[in-house]
Amino acid sequence: QVQIVESGGGWVQPGGSLRLSCTASITIFSMYTMGWYRQAPGKQRELVARITSGGSTNYTDSVKGRFTISRDNAKNTVYLQMNSLKPEDTAVYYCNARTFSRNLWGQGTQVTVSS
């Protein structure tokens, strides 16, 4: 059974850092585009960052220069390094694994940024 499992969320003060991890039990992980999305209370889910099978990345404007997405295909894992966190980054963060024929989601991990 396919599993997408996120970890690394928690509480952090403004200006702090967190690293999220997402491990996917899927075959040929390297072929998937992996993404991190987030959903704040009362808001729609939005793309935060994405990394393709070829390693190309893109970020939503609000996190550029602060967040970095990376992947380790040998470990079937994608990471999101989040620095200079702001209260508006507070949300549930979801991992997504996508190909032309599959679209898989994790259960999410809560990130709370407050003083």
Protein backbone atom coordinates (compact mmCIF):
# COMPACT_ATOMS: atom_id res chain seq x y z
CA GLN A 1 0.00 0.00 0.00
CA VAL A 2 1.29 3.41 -0.95
CA GLN A 3 2.15 5.65 1.98
CA ILE A 4 3.19 9.28 2.02
CA VAL A 5 4.37 10.27 5.49
CA GLU A 6 5.37 13.78 6.55
CA SER A 7 7.36 14.66 9.66
CA GLY A 8 9.22 17.58 11.18
CA GLY A 9 6.41 19.98 11.92
CA GLY A 10 5.99 21.75 15.22
CA TRP A 11 6.04 25.10 16.95
CA VAL A 12 8.73 27.68 16.33
CA GLN A 13 9.18 31.35 17.11
CA PRO A 14 9.24 33.93 14.31
CA GLY A 15 12.63 33.95 12.64
CA GLY A 16 13.23 30.31 13.46
CA SER A 17 13.74 27.29 11.24
CA LEU A 18 12.21 23.89 10.66
CA ARG A 19 12.94 21.07 8.25
CA LEU A 20 10.07 18.98 6.99
CA SER A 21 10.60 15.50 5.61
CA CYS A 22 8.35 13.38 3.45
CA THR A 23 9.02 9.71 2.81
CA ALA A 24 7.05 7.94 0.11
CA SER A 25 6.69 4.18 -0.19
CA ILE A 26 6.34 4.25 -3.96
CA THR A 27 8.25 2.51 -6.67
CA ILE A 28 10.44 4.55 -8.98
CA PHE A 29 10.28 7.53 -6.62
CA SER A 30 12.71 9.35 -8.87
CA MET A 31 10.07 9.66 -11.60
CA TYR A 32 7.66 11.64 -9.42
CA THR A 33 7.35 15.38 -9.16
CA MET A 34 7.30 16.05 -5.42
CA GLY A 35 5.63 19.04 -3.89
CA TRP A 36 4.89 20.70 -0.59
CA TYR A 37 1.54 22.39 -0.17
CA ARG A 38 0.04 24.16 2.82
CA GLN A 39 -3.40 25.05 4.06
CA ALA A 40 -4.05 27.66 6.70
CA PRO A 41 -7.37 27.83 8.57
CA GLY A 42 -10.10 29.27 6.36
CA LYS A 43 -7.87 29.33 3.29
CA GLN A 44 -7.41 27.16 0.23
CA ARG A 45 -4.54 24.75 -0.08
CA GLU A 46 -1.65 26.36 -1.94
CA LEU A 47 1.55 25.16 -3.54
CA VAL A 48 4.63 26.09 -1.51
CA ALA A 49 7.42 24.42 -3.46
CA ARG A 50 7.88 21.72 -6.06
CA ILE A 51 10.79 19.69 -7.40
CA THR A 52 10.61 17.71 -10.61
CA SER A 53 12.18 14.37 -11.41
CA GLY A 54 14.96 16.29 -13.12
CA GLY A 55 15.61 18.46 -10.10
CA SER A 56 14.01 21.69 -11.29
CA THR A 57 12.39 23.67 -8.51
CA ASN A 58 9.81 26.38 -8.18
CA TYR A 59 8.44 28.28 -5.18
CA THR A 60 5.52 30.45 -4.37
CA ASP A 61 6.62 34.07 -4.16
CA SER A 62 6.05 34.41 -0.43
CA VAL A 63 8.69 31.79 0.45
CA LYS A 64 11.37 32.54 -2.16
CA GLY A 65 14.72 33.06 -0.49
CA ARG A 66 13.53 31.48 2.77
CA PHE A 67 12.49 27.92 1.87
CA THR A 68 14.46 25.26 0.00
CA ILE A 69 13.07 22.03 -1.40
CA SER A 70 15.36 19.08 -2.07
CA ARG A 71 15.10 15.37 -2.66
CA ASP A 72 17.08 12.22 -1.95
CA ASN A 73 15.95 9.57 -4.41
CA ALA A 74 17.98 6.87 -2.66
CA LYS A 75 15.88 7.44 0.46
CA ASN A 76 12.55 8.11 -1.31
CA THR A 77 12.45 11.35 0.63
CA VAL A 78 11.81 15.01 -0.12
CA TYR A 79 12.70 17.82 2.28
CA LEU A 80 11.55 21.36 2.86
CA GLN A 81 14.04 23.53 4.73
CA MET A 82 12.19 26.53 6.12
CA ASN A 83 14.17 29.49 7.44
CA SER A 84 13.17 32.94 8.67
CA LEU A 85 9.72 31.63 9.47
CA LYS A 86 6.87 34.11 9.83
CA PRO A 87 3.50 33.82 11.58
CA GLU A 88 1.84 33.75 8.16
CA ASP A 89 3.66 30.49 7.43
CA THR A 90 1.46 28.80 10.02
CA ALA A 91 -0.48 26.01 8.30
CA VAL A 92 -0.79 22.30 7.82
CA TYR A 93 1.88 21.27 5.34
CA TYR A 94 1.12 18.43 2.93
CA CYS A 95 3.43 16.37 0.79
CA ASN A 96 2.34 15.52 -2.76
CA ALA A 97 3.73 12.96 -5.19
CA ARG A 98 2.62 13.28 -8.79
CA THR A 99 3.08 11.67 -12.18
CA PHE A 100 0.85 11.76 -15.26
CA SER A 101 -1.29 8.98 -13.85
CA ARG A 102 -1.01 9.31 -10.07
CA ASN A 103 -1.60 12.07 -7.55
CA LEU A 104 -0.80 11.06 -3.97
CA TRP A 105 -1.10 13.00 -0.72
CA GLY A 106 0.16 12.63 2.80
CA GLN A 107 -1.85 13.34 5.94
CA GLY A 108 -0.09 16.61 6.69
CA THR A 109 2.05 18.03 9.46
CA GLN A 110 1.23 21.14 11.47
CA VAL A 111 3.63 24.08 11.47
CA THR A 112 2.91 26.87 13.95
CA VAL A 113 4.95 30.07 14.01
CA SER A 114 4.22 32.30 16.97
CA SER A 115 5.84 34.03 19.88
